[in-house]
Amino acid sequence: MNFDEIKRQLEIYKSEGRTMFTTSSFQSHSIVLLHILSRIDNSIPVVFINTGYHFPETVEFKDKVATEFNLNVIDLKSETPKFMQKDPDGKLLFTSDPDHCCFLNKTQPVNRLLMQYDIWINGVRADQSAVRKAMQVEQPAPNDTVRFHPMLDWNAKMIYQYQKEYNLPKHPLENAGYLSIGCEPCTRRVDPEMMEREARWYGMNKTECGLHTDLVSK
């Protein structure tokens, strides 16, 4: 979808009285959607899923982008404290059960949030993974929410061109070889032969956190 199409769809949602929010990981490629939304309606809540494990550079970048784009950013945290996020051996879950760690820190908090809104504006792209390629522009989600994927048909080249056209800031870790940036313990630099998201949960046979698998109505 181009800018005008996204704007038109958001206006339709608004005219229907539907409440909207978006989530963002505040990576370089994800702020394209944030910039588009800031041009259309910067009052739409931007939810940062604060797992407590983000790189300090990500938190600083979030604050910078929020100020520069004049966004309404909200931190969303797990209701399960870290001392309860341990396995039987006393190790934090990201070391032994990353799926459950993601569930407690990302999927569960967003699922609760879906009870408060009608539309979840989500920046997934079909070129990022097989899971995302199978998605549709509008897709039902739990709690009678609709997932809206305006960037689904965008590719990496289009993202780069938009970034260049509007001179958007880049995540400070990008120049250090990080292209897909999540929680610090589960993110590594991208090797030349790797796909973008292979740097996440490297060696764990895992490419999604659950937001785009569990929070999609079957």
C-alpha atoms as a PDB file:
ATOM      1  CA  MET A   1       0.000   0.000   0.000  1.00  0.00           C
ATOM      2  CA  ASN A   2       1.233   3.503  -0.746  1.00  0.00           C
ATOM      3  CA  PHE A   3       0.865   6.532   1.511  1.00  0.00           C
ATOM      4  CA  ASP A   4      -2.507   7.601   0.100  1.00  0.00           C
ATOM      5  CA  GLU A   5      -3.944   4.094   0.409  1.00  0.00           C
ATOM      6  CA  ILE A   6      -2.796   3.803   4.011  1.00  0.00           C
ATOM      7  CA  LYS A   7      -4.227   7.218   4.822  1.00  0.00           C
ATOM      8  CA  ARG A   8      -7.549   6.348   3.191  1.00  0.00           C
ATOM      9  CA  GLN A   9      -7.859   3.093   5.147  1.00  0.00           C
ATOM     10  CA  LEU A  10      -7.034   4.762   8.454  1.00  0.00           C
ATOM     11  CA  GLU A  11      -9.658   7.424   7.732  1.00  0.00           C
ATOM     12  CA  ILE A  12     -12.218   4.664   7.120  1.00  0.00           C
ATOM     13  CA  TYR A  13     -11.365   3.022  10.445  1.00  0.00           C
ATOM     14  CA  LYS A  14     -11.645   6.381  12.182  1.00  0.00           C
ATOM     15  CA  SER A  15     -14.998   7.201  10.552  1.00  0.00           C
ATOM     16  CA  GLU A  16     -16.297   3.847  11.798  1.00  0.00           C
ATOM     17  CA  GLY A  17     -15.288   4.802  15.336  1.00  0.00           C
ATOM     18  CA  ARG A  18     -12.695   2.083  15.569  1.00  0.00           C
ATOM     19  CA  THR A  19      -9.788   2.601  17.955  1.00  0.00           C
ATOM     20  CA  MET A  20      -6.266   2.009  16.661  1.00  0.00           C
ATOM     21  CA  PHE A  21      -2.746   1.414  17.917  1.00  0.00           C
ATOM     22  CA  THR A  22       0.539   0.255  16.454  1.00  0.00           C
ATOM     23  CA  THR A  23       3.499  -1.626  17.841  1.00  0.00           C
ATOM     24  CA  SER A  24       7.106  -0.950  16.929  1.00  0.00           C
ATOM     25  CA  SER A  25      10.479  -2.513  17.658  1.00  0.00           C
ATOM     26  CA  PHE A  26      12.158   0.779  16.664  1.00  0.00           C
ATOM     27  CA  GLN A  27      14.543  -0.768  14.182  1.00  0.00           C
ATOM     28  CA  SER A  28      15.701   1.247  11.171  1.00  0.00           C
ATOM     29  CA  HIS A  29      13.293  -0.498   8.795  1.00  0.00           C
ATOM     30  CA  SER A  30      10.354  -0.289  11.213  1.00  0.00           C
ATOM     31  CA  ILE A  31      10.416   3.481  11.580  1.00  0.00           C
ATOM     32  CA  VAL A  32       9.231   3.905   7.994  1.00  0.00           C
ATOM     33  CA  LEU A  33       5.736   2.972   9.162  1.00  0.00           C
ATOM     34  CA  LEU A  34       6.106   5.275  12.166  1.00  0.00           C
ATOM     35  CA  HIS A  35       7.051   8.145   9.876  1.00  0.00           C
ATOM     36  CA  ILE A  36       4.052   7.458   7.639  1.00  0.00           C
ATOM     37  CA  LEU A  37       1.716   7.359  10.647  1.00  0.00           C
ATOM     38  CA  SER A  38       3.218  10.581  12.013  1.00  0.00           C
ATOM     39  CA  ARG A  39       2.319  12.277   8.727  1.00  0.00           C
ATOM     40  CA  ILE A  40      -1.257  10.968   8.895  1.00  0.00           C
ATOM     41  CA  ASP A  41      -2.165  10.998  12.594  1.00  0.00           C
ATOM     42  CA  ASN A  42       0.550  11.218  15.238  1.00  0.00           C
ATOM     43  CA  SER A  43      -1.993  10.716  18.031  1.00  0.00           C
ATOM     44  CA  ILE A  44      -2.213   6.986  17.275  1.00  0.00           C
ATOM     45  CA  PRO A  45      -0.551   5.213  20.243  1.00  0.00           C
ATOM     46  CA  VAL A  46       2.795   3.628  19.411  1.00  0.00           C
ATOM     47  CA  VAL A  47       3.431   0.703  21.739  1.00  0.00           C
ATOM     48  CA  PHE A  48       7.008  -0.245  22.519  1.00  0.00           C
ATOM     49  CA  ILE A  49       7.065  -3.764  23.946  1.00  0.00           C
ATOM     50  CA  ASN A  50       9.612  -3.207  26.687  1.00  0.00           C
ATOM     51  CA  THR A  51      10.882  -6.686  27.518  1.00  0.00           C
ATOM     52  CA  GLY A  52      13.622  -5.373  29.780  1.00  0.00           C
ATOM     53  CA  TYR A  53      16.204  -7.029  27.535  1.00  0.00           C
ATOM     54  CA  HIS A  54      16.574  -4.417  24.789  1.00  0.00           C
ATOM     55  CA  PHE A  55      19.921  -2.985  23.781  1.00  0.00           C
ATOM     56  CA  PRO A  56      20.481   0.407  25.456  1.00  0.00           C
ATOM     57  CA  GLU A  57      20.935   1.778  21.930  1.00  0.00           C
ATOM     58  CA  THR A  58      17.394   0.679  21.048  1.00  0.00           C
ATOM     59  CA  VAL A  59      15.892   2.516  24.018  1.00  0.00           C
ATOM     60  CA  GLU A  60      17.863   5.661  23.151  1.00  0.00           C
ATOM     61  CA  PHE A  61      16.824   5.382  19.503  1.00  0.00           C
ATOM     62  CA  LYS A  62      13.169   4.971  20.533  1.00  0.00           C
ATOM     63  CA  ASP A  63      13.325   8.198  22.533  1.00  0.00           C
ATOM     64  CA  LYS A  64      15.024  10.023  19.667  1.00  0.00           C
ATOM     65  CA  VAL A  65      12.480   8.890  17.069  1.00  0.00           C
ATOM     66  CA  ALA A  66       9.537   9.614  19.385  1.00  0.00           C
ATOM     67  CA  THR A  67      10.730  13.183  19.815  1.00  0.00           C
ATOM     68  CA  GLU A  68      11.648  13.734  16.170  1.00  0.00           C
ATOM     69  CA  PHE A  69       8.340  12.339  14.852  1.00  0.00           C
ATOM     70  CA  ASN A  70       6.260  13.741  17.748  1.00  0.00           C
ATOM     71  CA  LEU A  71       4.823  10.312  18.557  1.00  0.00           C
ATOM     72  CA  ASN A  72       2.646   9.138  21.410  1.00  0.00           C
ATOM     73  CA  VAL A  73       4.883   6.270  22.594  1.00  0.00           C
ATOM     74  CA  ILE A  74       3.737   3.929  25.358  1.00  0.00           C
ATOM     75  CA  ASP A  75       5.950   1.366  27.111  1.00  0.00           C
ATOM     76  CA  LEU A  76       4.281  -2.034  27.525  1.00  0.00           C
ATOM     77  CA  LYS A  77       5.808  -4.391  30.079  1.00  0.00           C
ATOM     78  CA  SER A  78       5.147  -7.899  31.295  1.00  0.00           C
ATOM     79  CA  GLU A  79       3.147  -8.342  34.477  1.00  0.00           C
ATOM     80  CA  THR A  80       5.448 -11.238  35.396  1.00  0.00           C
ATOM     81  CA  PRO A  81       8.533  -9.946  37.226  1.00  0.00           C
ATOM     82  CA  LYS A  82      11.943 -11.176  36.101  1.00  0.00           C
ATOM     83  CA  PHE A  83      12.556 -13.174  39.298  1.00  0.00           C
ATOM     84  CA  MET A  84       9.582 -15.340  38.270  1.00  0.00           C
ATOM     85  CA  GLN A  85      10.887 -15.792  34.731  1.00  0.00           C
ATOM     86  CA  LYS A  86      13.319 -18.577  35.554  1.00  0.00           C
ATOM     87  CA  ASP A  87      13.539 -22.283  34.794  1.00  0.00           C
ATOM     88  CA  PRO A  88      13.856 -25.004  37.479  1.00  0.00           C
ATOM     89  CA  ASP A  89      17.636 -24.510  37.477  1.00  0.00           C
ATOM     90  CA  GLY A  90      17.245 -20.828  38.302  1.00  0.00           C
ATOM     91  CA  LYS A  91      18.311 -19.604  34.850  1.00  0.00           C
ATOM     92  CA  LEU A  92      16.382 -16.837  33.106  1.00  0.00           C
ATOM     93  CA  LEU A  93      14.048 -18.266  30.492  1.00  0.00           C
ATOM     94  CA  PHE A  94      15.761 -16.744  27.472  1.00  0.00           C
ATOM     95  CA  THR A  95      18.614 -19.229  28.041  1.00  0.00           C
ATOM     96  CA  SER A  96      16.462 -22.375  28.158  1.00  0.00           C
ATOM     97  CA  ASP A  97      12.935 -21.627  26.907  1.00  0.00           C
ATOM     98  CA  PRO A  98      12.952 -18.575  24.630  1.00  0.00           C
ATOM     99  CA  ASP A  99       9.406 -19.311  23.448  1.00  0.00           C
ATOM    100  CA  HIS A 100       8.036 -18.950  26.970  1.00  0.00           C
ATOM    101  CA  CYS A 101      10.218 -15.883  27.562  1.00  0.00           C
ATOM    102  CA  CYS A 102       8.706 -14.263  24.467  1.00  0.00           C
ATOM    103  CA  PHE A 103       5.234 -15.295  25.593  1.00  0.00           C
ATOM    104  CA  LEU A 104       5.604 -13.633  29.008  1.00  0.00           C
ATOM    105  CA  ASN A 105       7.331 -10.477  27.777  1.00  0.00           C
ATOM    106  CA  LYS A 106       5.700  -9.878  24.393  1.00  0.00           C
ATOM    107  CA  THR A 107       2.746 -12.054  23.392  1.00  0.00           C
ATOM    108  CA  GLN A 108       0.850 -12.029  26.679  1.00  0.00           C
ATOM    109  CA  PRO A 109       1.095  -8.246  27.233  1.00  0.00           C
ATOM    110  CA  VAL A 110      -0.021  -7.488  23.654  1.00  0.00           C
ATOM    111  CA  ASN A 111      -2.861  -9.986  23.890  1.00  0.00           C
ATOM    112  CA  ARG A 112      -4.189  -8.064  26.909  1.00  0.00           C
ATOM    113  CA  LEU A 113      -3.789  -4.838  24.964  1.00  0.00           C
ATOM    114  CA  LEU A 114      -5.947  -6.193  22.147  1.00  0.00           C
ATOM    115  CA  MET A 115      -8.901  -6.094  24.526  1.00  0.00           C
ATOM    116  CA  GLN A 116      -8.694  -2.291  24.489  1.00  0.00           C
ATOM    117  CA  TYR A 117      -8.457  -1.612  20.730  1.00  0.00           C
ATOM    118  CA  ASP A 118     -10.182  -2.506  17.479  1.00  0.00           C
ATOM    119  CA  ILE A 119      -7.305  -2.185  14.999  1.00  0.00           C
ATOM    120  CA  TRP A 120      -3.688  -3.283  15.420  1.00  0.00           C
ATOM    121  CA  ILE A 121      -1.554  -1.516  12.806  1.00  0.00           C
ATOM    122  CA  ASN A 122       1.378  -3.841  12.236  1.00  0.00           C
ATOM    123  CA  GLY A 123       4.456  -3.330  10.058  1.00  0.00           C
ATOM    124  CA  VAL A 124       5.122  -6.930   8.988  1.00  0.00           C
ATOM    125  CA  ARG A 125       6.424  -7.432   5.439  1.00  0.00           C
ATOM    126  CA  ALA A 126       5.910 -10.497   3.263  1.00  0.00           C
ATOM    127  CA  ASP A 127       9.590 -10.587   2.304  1.00  0.00           C
ATOM    128  CA  GLN A 128      10.716 -11.085   5.921  1.00  0.00           C
ATOM    129  CA  SER A 129       9.680 -14.703   6.507  1.00  0.00           C
ATOM    130  CA  ALA A 130       7.441 -17.509   5.291  1.00  0.00           C
ATOM    131  CA  VAL A 131       5.044 -16.831   8.179  1.00  0.00           C
ATOM    132  CA  ARG A 132       4.641 -13.211   7.137  1.00  0.00           C
ATOM    133  CA  LYS A 133       4.403 -14.039   3.441  1.00  0.00           C
ATOM    134  CA  ALA A 134       1.236 -16.022   4.198  1.00  0.00           C
ATOM    135  CA  MET A 135      -0.473 -13.029   5.837  1.00  0.00           C
ATOM    136  CA  GLN A 136      -3.131 -10.747   4.371  1.00  0.00           C
ATOM    137  CA  VAL A 137      -3.442  -6.963   4.539  1.00  0.00           C
ATOM    138  CA  GLU A 138      -6.360  -7.331   6.954  1.00  0.00           C
ATOM    139  CA  GLN A 139      -6.451 -10.327   9.238  1.00  0.00           C
ATOM    140  CA  PRO A 140      -8.536 -11.197  12.298  1.00  0.00           C
ATOM    141  CA  ALA A 141      -6.779 -11.311  15.652  1.00  0.00           C
ATOM    142  CA  PRO A 142      -7.853 -12.416  19.150  1.00  0.00           C
ATOM    143  CA  ASN A 143     -10.420 -10.427  21.131  1.00  0.00           C
ATOM    144  CA  ASP A 144     -12.267  -9.341  17.961  1.00  0.00           C
ATOM    145  CA  THR A 145      -9.342  -7.173  16.886  1.00  0.00           C
ATOM    146  CA  VAL A 146      -8.267  -6.724  13.261  1.00  0.00           C
ATOM    147  CA  ARG A 147      -4.604  -6.758  12.296  1.00  0.00           C
ATOM    148  CA  PHE A 148      -3.893  -4.183   9.572  1.00  0.00           C
ATOM    149  CA  HIS A 149      -0.655  -4.795   7.629  1.00  0.00           C
ATOM    150  CA  PRO A 150      -0.099  -1.727   5.417  1.00  0.00           C
ATOM    151  CA  MET A 151       3.563  -2.583   4.712  1.00  0.00           C
ATOM    152  CA  LEU A 152       2.911  -6.182   3.661  1.00  0.00           C
ATOM    153  CA  ASP A 153       3.791  -5.636  -0.006  1.00  0.00           C
ATOM    154  CA  TRP A 154       6.834  -3.464   0.690  1.00  0.00           C
ATOM    155  CA  ASN A 155      10.305  -4.911   0.236  1.00  0.00           C
ATOM    156  CA  ALA A 156      13.749  -3.984   1.545  1.00  0.00           C
ATOM    157  CA  LYS A 157      14.487  -1.813  -1.493  1.00  0.00           C
ATOM    158  CA  MET A 158      11.300   0.220  -0.999  1.00  0.00           C
ATOM    159  CA  ILE A 159      12.133   0.663   2.686  1.00  0.00           C
ATOM    160  CA  TYR A 160      15.612   1.907   1.792  1.00  0.00           C
ATOM    161  CA  GLN A 161      14.244   4.315  -0.821  1.00  0.00           C
ATOM    162  CA  TYR A 162      11.760   5.799   1.663  1.00  0.00           C
ATOM    163  CA  GLN A 163      14.451   6.126   4.325  1.00  0.00           C
ATOM    164  CA  LYS A 164      16.665   7.933   1.837  1.00  0.00           C
ATOM    165  CA  GLU A 165      13.892  10.217   0.537  1.00  0.00           C
ATOM    166  CA  TYR A 166      12.970  11.442   4.025  1.00  0.00           C
ATOM    167  CA  ASN A 167      16.467  11.164   5.509  1.00  0.00           C
ATOM    168  CA  LEU A 168      15.215   9.008   8.369  1.00  0.00           C
ATOM    169  CA  PRO A 169      17.548   8.231  11.276  1.00  0.00           C
ATOM    170  CA  LYS A 170      19.106   4.769  11.497  1.00  0.00           C
ATOM    171  CA  HIS A 171      19.419   2.531  14.514  1.00  0.00           C
ATOM    172  CA  PRO A 172      22.959   3.068  15.857  1.00  0.00           C
ATOM    173  CA  LEU A 173      23.702  -0.683  15.842  1.00  0.00           C
ATOM    174  CA  GLU A 174      23.038  -1.007  12.112  1.00  0.00           C
ATOM    175  CA  ASN A 175      26.538   0.179  11.230  1.00  0.00           C
ATOM    176  CA  ALA A 176      27.889  -2.483  13.582  1.00  0.00           C
ATOM    177  CA  GLY A 177      26.317  -5.254  11.491  1.00  0.00           C
ATOM    178  CA  TYR A 178      22.946  -5.667  13.215  1.00  0.00           C
ATOM    179  CA  LEU A 179      20.070  -5.676  10.708  1.00  0.00           C
ATOM    180  CA  SER A 180      17.278  -7.362  12.681  1.00  0.00           C
ATOM    181  CA  ILE A 181      17.439  -6.142  16.249  1.00  0.00           C
ATOM    182  CA  GLY A 182      15.454  -7.612  19.105  1.00  0.00           C
ATOM    183  CA  CYS A 183      16.376  -8.426  22.677  1.00  0.00           C
ATOM    184  CA  GLU A 184      20.093  -8.243  23.374  1.00  0.00           C
ATOM    185  CA  PRO A 185      20.571 -11.854  24.614  1.00  0.00           C
ATOM    186  CA  CYS A 186      18.898 -13.299  21.500  1.00  0.00           C
ATOM    187  CA  THR A 187      20.312 -11.051  18.756  1.00  0.00           C
ATOM    188  CA  ARG A 188      23.594 -11.324  16.892  1.00  0.00           C
ATOM    189  CA  ARG A 189      25.282  -9.622  13.981  1.00  0.00           C
ATOM    190  CA  VAL A 190      24.299 -10.761  10.499  1.00  0.00           C
ATOM    191  CA  ASP A 191      26.882 -12.782   8.605  1.00  0.00           C
ATOM    192  CA  PRO A 192      27.095 -12.182   4.819  1.00  0.00           C
ATOM    193  CA  GLU A 193      25.418 -15.502   3.970  1.00  0.00           C
ATOM    194  CA  MET A 194      22.558 -15.074   6.454  1.00  0.00           C
ATOM    195  CA  MET A 195      19.031 -13.887   5.833  1.00  0.00           C
ATOM    196  CA  GLU A 196      17.986 -10.826   7.843  1.00  0.00           C
ATOM    197  CA  ARG A 197      15.975 -12.603  10.544  1.00  0.00           C
ATOM    198  CA  GLU A 198      18.399 -15.514  10.948  1.00  0.00           C
ATOM    199  CA  ALA A 199      20.321 -13.279  13.354  1.00  0.00           C
ATOM    200  CA  ARG A 200      17.454 -13.536  15.815  1.00  0.00           C
ATOM    201  CA  TRP A 201      17.462 -16.524  18.208  1.00  0.00           C
ATOM    202  CA  TYR A 202      20.456 -17.835  16.271  1.00  0.00           C
ATOM    203  CA  GLY A 203      20.805 -21.619  16.491  1.00  0.00           C
ATOM    204  CA  MET A 204      17.448 -22.012  18.253  1.00  0.00           C
ATOM    205  CA  ASN A 205      15.274 -23.002  15.258  1.00  0.00           C
ATOM    206  CA  LYS A 206      13.132 -19.948  15.996  1.00  0.00           C
ATOM    207  CA  THR A 207      12.398 -16.914  13.809  1.00  0.00           C
ATOM    208  CA  GLU A 208       9.200 -15.497  15.359  1.00  0.00           C
ATOM    209  CA  CYS A 209       8.431 -14.389  18.908  1.00  0.00           C
ATOM    210  CA  GLY A 210       4.756 -15.364  18.874  1.00  0.00           C
ATOM    211  CA  LEU A 211       3.237 -11.973  18.077  1.00  0.00           C
ATOM    212  CA  HIS A 212       2.724 -13.027  14.467  1.00  0.00           C
ATOM    213  CA  THR A 213       1.874 -16.680  15.082  1.00  0.00           C
ATOM    214  CA  ASP A 214      -0.124 -16.798  18.325  1.00  0.00           C
ATOM    215  CA  LEU A 215      -1.912 -13.459  17.925  1.00  0.00           C
ATOM    216  CA  VAL A 216      -3.542 -14.329  14.610  1.00  0.00           C
ATOM    217  CA  SER A 217      -7.004 -15.887  14.678  1.00  0.00           C
ATOM    218  CA  LYS A 218      -7.060 -19.268  13.005  1.00  0.00           C
END
